[in-house]
Protein backbone atom coordinates (compact mmCIF):
# COMPACT_ATOMS: atom_id res chain seq x y z
CA MET A 1 -5.20 10.92 4.65
CA GLY A 2 -6.79 9.68 1.57
CA PHE A 3 -4.69 6.79 0.07
CA GLU A 4 -5.72 8.34 -3.51
CA HIS A 5 -4.30 11.21 -2.64
CA VAL A 6 -0.24 9.55 -2.02
CA THR A 7 -1.04 7.45 -5.15
CA TRP A 8 -1.29 10.70 -7.00
CA ALA A 9 1.51 12.27 -5.82
CA TRP A 10 3.93 9.01 -5.82
CA PHE A 11 2.41 7.54 -9.36
CA GLN A 12 1.04 9.92 -11.20
CA VAL A 13 2.95 13.33 -10.81
CA GLU A 14 5.87 12.99 -12.94
CA ASN A 15 9.35 14.67 -13.97
CA ILE A 16 9.38 16.92 -11.16
CA PRO A 17 12.37 17.39 -9.13
CA LEU A 18 12.96 14.99 -5.96
CA ALA A 19 12.67 17.26 -3.28
CA ALA A 20 9.63 18.84 -4.68
CA LYS A 21 8.16 15.09 -4.96
CA ALA A 22 9.28 14.15 -1.58
CA VAL A 23 7.71 17.37 -0.30
CA LEU A 24 4.67 16.92 -2.27
CA MET A 25 3.93 13.34 -0.75
CA GLY A 26 4.79 14.65 2.76
CA ILE A 27 1.55 16.92 2.36
CA ALA A 28 -0.64 14.31 0.34
CA ASN A 29 0.01 11.98 3.50
CA HIS A 30 -1.78 14.79 5.74
CA ALA A 31 -4.51 15.26 3.17
CA THR A 32 -8.24 14.75 4.29
CA ARG A 33 -10.65 13.12 1.79
CA LYS A 34 -11.60 16.45 0.11
CA GLY A 35 -7.67 16.87 -0.90
CA VAL A 36 -6.90 19.58 1.79
CA ALA A 37 -3.98 19.37 4.32
CA TYR A 38 -2.38 21.56 6.91
CA PRO A 39 0.96 19.99 8.18
CA SER A 40 3.47 22.34 9.72
CA GLN A 41 6.63 23.08 7.70
CA GLY A 42 8.78 21.94 10.71
CA SER A 43 6.72 18.63 10.81
CA LEU A 44 7.24 18.23 7.02
CA ALA A 45 11.17 18.70 7.67
CA LYS A 46 11.68 16.64 10.73
CA HIS A 47 9.72 13.35 8.70
CA LEU A 48 11.58 14.15 5.69
CA ASN A 49 14.82 14.60 7.11
CA ILE A 50 15.68 17.82 5.14
CA SER A 51 15.86 21.34 6.12
CA LEU A 52 13.01 23.68 6.79
CA SER A 53 14.73 26.27 4.10
CA THR A 54 14.28 23.35 2.03
CA VAL A 55 10.89 22.55 2.60
CA LYS A 56 10.01 26.53 2.12
CA ARG A 57 11.59 26.43 -1.34
CA GLN A 58 10.10 23.12 -2.22
CA ILE A 59 6.58 24.48 -1.32
CA ARG A 60 6.92 27.56 -3.41
CA GLU A 61 7.88 25.61 -6.68
CA LEU A 62 5.27 23.33 -5.88
CA GLU A 63 2.72 26.77 -5.74
CA LYS A 64 4.42 27.97 -9.43
CA MET A 65 3.85 24.52 -10.76
CA GLY A 66 0.18 24.41 -9.89
CA ALA A 67 0.27 21.35 -7.80
CA ILE A 68 -0.71 22.92 -4.31
CA ALA A 69 -2.25 26.24 -3.25
CA SER A 70 -1.52 27.32 -0.20
CA THR A 71 -3.40 29.71 2.10
CA SER A 72 -2.23 31.52 5.56
CA GLN A 73 -4.50 30.75 8.54
CA THR A 74 -4.75 32.66 11.97
CA ILE A 75 -6.43 31.78 14.99
CA ASN A 76 -7.23 34.79 17.56
CA GLY A 77 -4.49 36.48 15.44
CA ARG A 78 -2.21 34.29 15.98
CA LYS A 79 -0.68 32.58 12.61
CA THR A 80 -0.37 28.83 12.20
CA SER A 81 -0.05 25.93 9.58
CA ASN A 82 -0.93 27.38 6.39
CA LEU A 83 -3.74 25.36 4.68
CA TYR A 84 -2.61 23.53 1.28
CA ARG A 85 -5.30 22.28 -1.41
CA LEU A 86 -4.01 19.56 -3.78
CA ASN A 87 -4.58 19.82 -7.24
CA MET A 88 -5.33 16.14 -8.66
CA GLU A 89 -5.30 17.71 -12.22
CA PHE A 90 -1.42 18.28 -12.43
CA ARG A 91 0.39 15.54 -13.67
CA GLY A 92 4.07 16.68 -13.67
CA TYR A 93 5.68 17.32 -17.25
CA PRO A 94 6.50 15.58 -19.79
CA ALA A 95 9.93 13.31 -20.64
CA PRO A 96 12.68 15.61 -21.92
CA ASN A 97 12.62 13.66 -24.97
CA GLU A 98 8.73 12.93 -24.81
CA GLU A 99 6.91 13.44 -28.18
CA THR A 100 3.10 14.71 -27.99
CA ALA A 101 0.48 12.64 -29.93
CA GLU A 102 0.15 15.81 -32.57
CA ASP A 103 3.98 15.90 -32.99
CA ALA A 104 4.05 11.67 -33.38
CA GLU A 105 1.16 11.74 -36.12
CA SER A 106 2.90 14.37 -37.68
CA ASP A 107 6.33 12.69 -38.07
CA LEU A 108 4.57 9.41 -38.85
CA ASP A 109 2.73 11.18 -42.02
CA GLU A 110 6.13 12.38 -43.32
CA GLN A 111 7.80 9.45 -42.94
CA LEU A 112 5.31 7.68 -44.73
CA ALA A 113 5.42 9.83 -47.72
CA ILE A 114 9.41 9.51 -47.94
CA ALA A 115 9.57 5.99 -47.25
CA PHE A 116 6.76 4.85 -50.09
CA ASP A 117 7.17 7.30 -52.53
CA GLY A 118 6.93 6.12 -55.86
CA GLU A 119 7.10 2.08 -54.63
CA LYS A 120 3.39 1.72 -54.18
CA GLU A 121 0.08 2.50 -52.89
CA ILE A 122 -0.38 1.99 -49.01
CA GLY A 123 -3.80 0.40 -48.12
CA GLN A 124 -5.72 0.60 -45.26
CA ASN A 125 -4.69 -2.38 -43.65
CA ASP A 126 -1.30 -1.85 -44.37
CA LEU A 127 -1.34 1.67 -41.89
CA SER A 128 -2.80 0.08 -39.59
CA LYS A 129 0.37 -2.20 -38.79
CA VAL A 130 2.71 0.23 -39.55
CA HIS A 131 4.59 1.55 -36.35
CA SER A 132 7.74 3.46 -37.33
CA TYR A 133 10.35 3.39 -39.91
CA ASP A 134 14.12 3.48 -40.22
CA LEU A 135 14.66 5.51 -43.05
CA SER A 136 18.55 4.57 -43.57
CA ASP A 137 17.60 0.89 -45.18
CA ARG A 138 13.42 1.91 -45.28
CA SER A 139 12.52 -1.41 -43.23
CA ILE A 140 8.95 -1.36 -41.54
CA VAL A 141 8.60 -2.31 -37.76
CA THR A 142 5.57 -3.97 -37.51
CA TYR A 143 2.94 -2.86 -34.21
CA GLN A 144 2.81 -4.97 -31.47
CA GLU A 145 -0.34 -4.70 -29.51
CA PRO A 146 -0.40 -3.51 -25.68
CA ARG A 147 0.15 -5.83 -23.41
CA ILE A 148 -3.46 -6.54 -21.38
CA LEU A 149 -3.17 -5.81 -17.39
CA THR A 150 -4.12 -8.95 -15.33
CA LYS A 151 -6.74 -8.94 -12.97
CA GLU A 152 -4.51 -8.14 -10.14
CA LYS A 153 -3.14 -4.68 -11.81
CA GLU A 154 -6.53 -3.83 -12.20
CA GLU A 155 -7.46 -4.20 -8.57
CA GLU A 156 -4.44 -2.16 -7.98
CA SER A 157 -5.46 0.74 -10.04
CA ALA A 158 -8.56 1.23 -7.57
CA PRO A 159 -7.27 3.47 -4.80
CA ASP A 160 -10.79 3.58 -3.26
CA ASP A 161 -11.08 -0.16 -2.79
CA LEU A 162 -7.36 -0.03 -1.13
CA GLU A 163 -8.09 2.94 1.03
CA GLU A 164 -11.39 1.00 2.00
CA LYS A 165 -9.25 -1.68 3.13
CA PHE A 166 -6.78 0.23 5.04
CA GLN A 167 -9.16 1.79 7.29
CA GLU A 168 -10.33 -1.17 8.35
CA LEU A 169 -7.00 -2.08 9.43
CA VAL A 170 -6.78 1.62 11.35
CA ASP A 171 -10.08 0.69 13.39
CA ILE A 172 -8.56 -2.77 14.46
CA PHE A 173 -5.08 -1.76 15.08
CA GLU A 174 -6.00 2.11 16.16
CA PRO A 175 -2.61 3.52 15.37
CA GLY A 176 -0.97 6.18 17.73
CA PRO A 177 -0.42 9.44 16.54
CA THR A 178 3.41 9.41 15.70
CA GLU A 179 3.04 6.17 13.35
CA ASP A 180 3.37 7.00 9.99
CA LEU A 181 0.29 5.94 8.18
CA ALA A 182 1.89 6.29 4.69
CA HIS A 183 4.48 2.87 5.23
CA GLY A 184 1.30 0.91 5.84
CA ARG A 185 -0.65 2.15 2.60
CA VAL A 186 2.43 1.14 0.58
CA ALA A 187 2.47 -2.05 2.56
CA LEU A 188 -0.99 -2.57 1.58
CA ARG A 189 -0.77 -1.48 -1.88
CA ASN A 190 2.50 -3.90 -2.64
CA LEU A 191 0.63 -7.09 -1.49
CA GLN A 192 -1.40 -9.33 -3.66
CA SER A 193 -5.50 -9.07 -3.92
CA PHE A 194 -5.61 -12.87 -1.75
CA GLU A 195 -2.92 -11.31 0.85
CA ARG A 196 -4.67 -8.18 1.66
CA ALA A 197 -8.22 -10.20 2.13
CA THR A 198 -6.31 -12.75 4.52
CA ALA A 199 -4.56 -10.08 6.24
CA LEU A 200 -7.67 -8.23 6.88
CA LYS A 201 -9.44 -11.56 8.04
CA HIS A 202 -6.84 -12.34 11.09
CA ALA A 203 -6.11 -8.47 12.03
CA ALA A 204 -8.23 -8.73 14.80
CA ARG A 205 -7.13 -11.58 16.40
CA PHE A 206 -3.72 -10.84 15.78
CA VAL A 207 -4.13 -7.73 17.54
CA GLU A 208 -6.62 -9.33 20.61
CA ALA A 209 -3.04 -12.20 21.07
CA LEU A 210 -1.19 -9.13 21.50
CA LYS A 211 -3.11 -7.51 24.09
CA LEU A 212 -3.73 -10.94 26.05
CA GLU A 213 -0.33 -11.60 26.54
CA LYS A 214 0.21 -7.64 26.93
CA ARG A 215 3.22 -7.37 24.53
CA LYS A 216 3.83 -4.22 22.44
CA GLN A 217 1.51 -3.15 19.90
CA VAL A 218 3.06 -3.15 16.12
CA SER A 219 2.51 -1.08 13.04
CA ILE A 220 0.13 -1.94 10.47
CA ALA A 221 3.21 -1.51 8.14
CA ASN A 222 5.27 -4.11 10.30
CA TYR A 223 2.07 -6.55 10.31
CA LEU A 224 1.73 -6.35 6.59
CA SER A 225 5.28 -6.19 5.14
CA ARG A 226 6.30 -9.48 7.72
CA LYS A 227 3.31 -10.75 6.90
CA ARG A 228 2.42 -11.59 10.61
CA TRP A 229 -0.76 -12.62 10.05
CA GLU A 230 0.65 -15.81 9.12
CA SER A 231 1.53 -17.46 12.70
CA VAL A 232 -2.72 -16.80 13.31
CA GLU A 233 -3.89 -18.24 9.82
CA ARG A 234 -1.71 -21.31 10.34
CA TYR A 235 -2.35 -22.36 13.44
CA THR A 236 -5.32 -21.34 14.60
CA PRO A 237 -7.40 -24.74 15.74
CA ARG A 238 -10.20 -25.63 14.13
CA PRO A 239 -13.55 -24.54 15.68
CA VAL A 240 -15.03 -26.98 18.06
CA LYS A 241 -18.29 -26.72 19.69
CA ALA A 242 -16.93 -27.30 23.24
CA GLY A 243 -14.99 -24.58 23.01
CA GLU A 244 -17.24 -21.79 21.64
CA GLY A 245 -17.83 -18.59 23.67
CA LYS A 246 -14.84 -19.44 26.19
CA PRO A 247 -11.87 -17.15 26.60
CA MET A 248 -8.54 -18.59 25.40
CA VAL A 249 -6.44 -20.60 27.52
CA PHE A 250 -2.84 -21.03 27.66
CA VAL A 251 -0.94 -24.16 27.22
CA ALA A 252 2.20 -24.87 28.31
CA LYS A 253 4.81 -26.59 25.65
CA ASP A 254 5.51 -30.34 26.46
CA SER A 255 2.43 -30.39 29.09
CA PRO A 256 -0.41 -33.31 28.75
CA GLY A 257 -2.56 -30.79 27.57
CA TRP A 258 0.38 -29.77 24.58
CA HIS A 259 0.41 -33.23 23.72
CA ALA A 260 -3.15 -33.82 23.97
CA TRP A 261 -3.63 -30.95 21.55
CA ALA A 262 -1.39 -32.18 19.12
CA LYS A 263 -2.70 -35.26 18.79
CA PHE A 264 -6.54 -33.61 18.40
CA LEU A 265 -5.12 -31.71 15.61
CA GLY A 266 -3.11 -34.09 13.91
CA LYS A 267 -0.11 -32.47 14.61
CA SER A 268 3.77 -33.27 16.05
CA PRO A 269 4.06 -31.81 19.47
CA TYR A 270 7.59 -30.52 18.55
CA GLY A 271 6.11 -28.89 15.48
CA MET A 272 3.38 -26.91 16.86
CA SER A 273 3.78 -23.24 16.87
CA VAL A 274 5.36 -21.62 20.16
CA TYR A 275 5.64 -18.30 21.59
CA HIS A 276 7.02 -17.32 24.76
CA SER A 277 4.23 -15.91 27.45
CA THR A 278 5.65 -13.41 29.53
CA GLU A 279 2.46 -13.71 31.80
CA HIS A 280 3.18 -17.78 32.41
CA GLN A 281 6.84 -17.06 31.93
CA ALA A 282 6.64 -20.37 29.61
CA ASP A 283 6.85 -21.34 25.86
CA GLY A 284 3.25 -22.39 24.76
CA TRP A 285 -0.17 -21.55 23.12
CA ARG A 286 -3.53 -20.66 23.58
CA PHE A 287 -6.39 -23.00 22.75
CA THR A 288 -10.13 -22.64 23.48
CA SER A 289 -9.63 -24.97 26.40
CA ALA A 290 -6.71 -26.69 28.32
CA MET A 291 -7.70 -29.85 26.91
CA PRO A 292 -9.27 -31.06 24.01
CA PRO A 293 -13.37 -31.37 23.89
CA GLU A 294 -13.08 -34.86 23.32
CA ILE A 295 -10.85 -35.44 26.46
CA VAL A 296 -12.61 -32.74 28.61
CA GLY A 297 -16.15 -34.33 27.42
CA ALA A 298 -14.94 -37.86 28.67
CA LEU A 299 -13.55 -36.16 32.08
């Protein structure tokens, strides 16, 4: 399931029917790093919420376009899911009114000849500024430099880097077979570069907290789109020597330990983050010890 294949199907294949694009996205989401996928047509129909006949028809259309090539597979004489090979060179079709570069250049030469015939000679510097002409009044529209991509846009255009980060999240979250990873990839792509780094930094601790409290695992898309890492980032106590290497201890809200930790962290006891522990049937938070290290050392 390569991120680059989903990116290709969604952003680079243009001007094809919506149903065909949806089926192509579904196949791309199952593709290996070599661009080969073998999802069943029934599975595609279920996940895309369309009929099986529509899936079959759109697969035939995609083959005619040259976007994919399918091969029948059999195991022990029994037919199984087809094997689909993605054609990453396919870019869809040009827009209905879109001119090719050759046509545009030809039109420009013709307009130059009409607009400036007998009026003046055009130097090389003048031609470099010409963009288009309104032949009704022969006015010139000057050329505007294209907007330069920002650093963030350049980073977003590197699918290999995004896929590497996504695979790190997959290793941490260990998603089940029913989780749709395409939503997670889209959520990761929508984040700023610094948000991706922060999400990766706190992912392991977030998953560990869920396991300690025996809470239901969340999807990667949920973790990223709702920015669930912020609770871990905001309320992680600063490292202290006394608690190193020890398991986290649950401290109930409004207990002596709670007020002691609030004073130690320089926070209001009523402004610290809390969550409900099903194990302890109380609200509170986990710390490195029941009391702050300065108090533990004095006991």
